[in-house]
Each structure stands twice: as structure tokens, then as C-alpha cells.
Amino acid sequence: MQLKDRLRELRKSNKLTLRNLAEATGLSVSYMSDIERGRTSPSLKTLEALAEALGVSVTVLLTGVETVNTVDVSNLPPGLSELMSDPDFKNEINDDWLDLLSKIQMRGKRPETKREWMELYLHLKRVLET
């Protein structure tokens, strides 16, 4: 989903008109309309104002995904939970890695086996360490 669509969805779910949101952010109605139509890209300052007016984080506004600092290990995808019980990786994969891995999808598909998760982790680790 693109920003223009997410913005419209959040605005409507908060029962706000373009005028209401414009007033809450100090932006013009025509500028708000241009953002919702995808005719312009807002600055970070504008994104922050929009997120605050809509009661969400900038991350949620941009991605539609709320992140939290803790990962629920009991709800890990299949294979990843097995990797976390492996003594060779249990202490190596910290919460940040677990959070990152648990969100990954490739072309709408997630790794399914312990081996696939391990290969993904090792690949990402190599890439990020270089």
C-alpha cells in the first residue's frame, strides 16, 4: 500500500475530512489533497505532523506496520523457533536479529525450515558486516 492510500485510510478511520486534517497539521487542504492523490511527496516534518494528527507513528504512516521492542518467541514462524532452540545460534541471535528475521518475507513467502532461516540469517549477517 502506498503512502497516499494509507493516509486516506487513516484519515477516514479517524473520521477526519481533508479540511480537519489540514487544520490539525497546519497544512493547506489543497496540499493534503495532493499528498492523497500521490501528486507530491511530503517532507519528514510534514510526515511527523500528519502522524501526530492521526495518532500513529511515522513508521506506521509509512509502512502500515507497528513495531514493538520485544519479540514474542512463542509466535515465531515455523523453522525460526527451531533455529532459536539450536545451541549454536540461541545466544548469537539477539532480540534485534529476531525482530528483523520474524518480519522478513521474500516475494510474499517466508522461509519455512530451520535450514532456510539459518541460511537467511547467515547471509544477512555477512552482508551487514561488510
Foldseek 3Di string as FASTA:
>chain_A
DALLVLLVVLCVVVVHDLVRLCVQLVHDSVVNVCVNVVVDDDDPSSLCSSCVSSVHHSCCSGPVDDDDQADDLVPAAALVNVLCPPPVCVVVQDRVNSSVLSPDDDPNHHDHHVVVSVVVSVVVVVVVVD
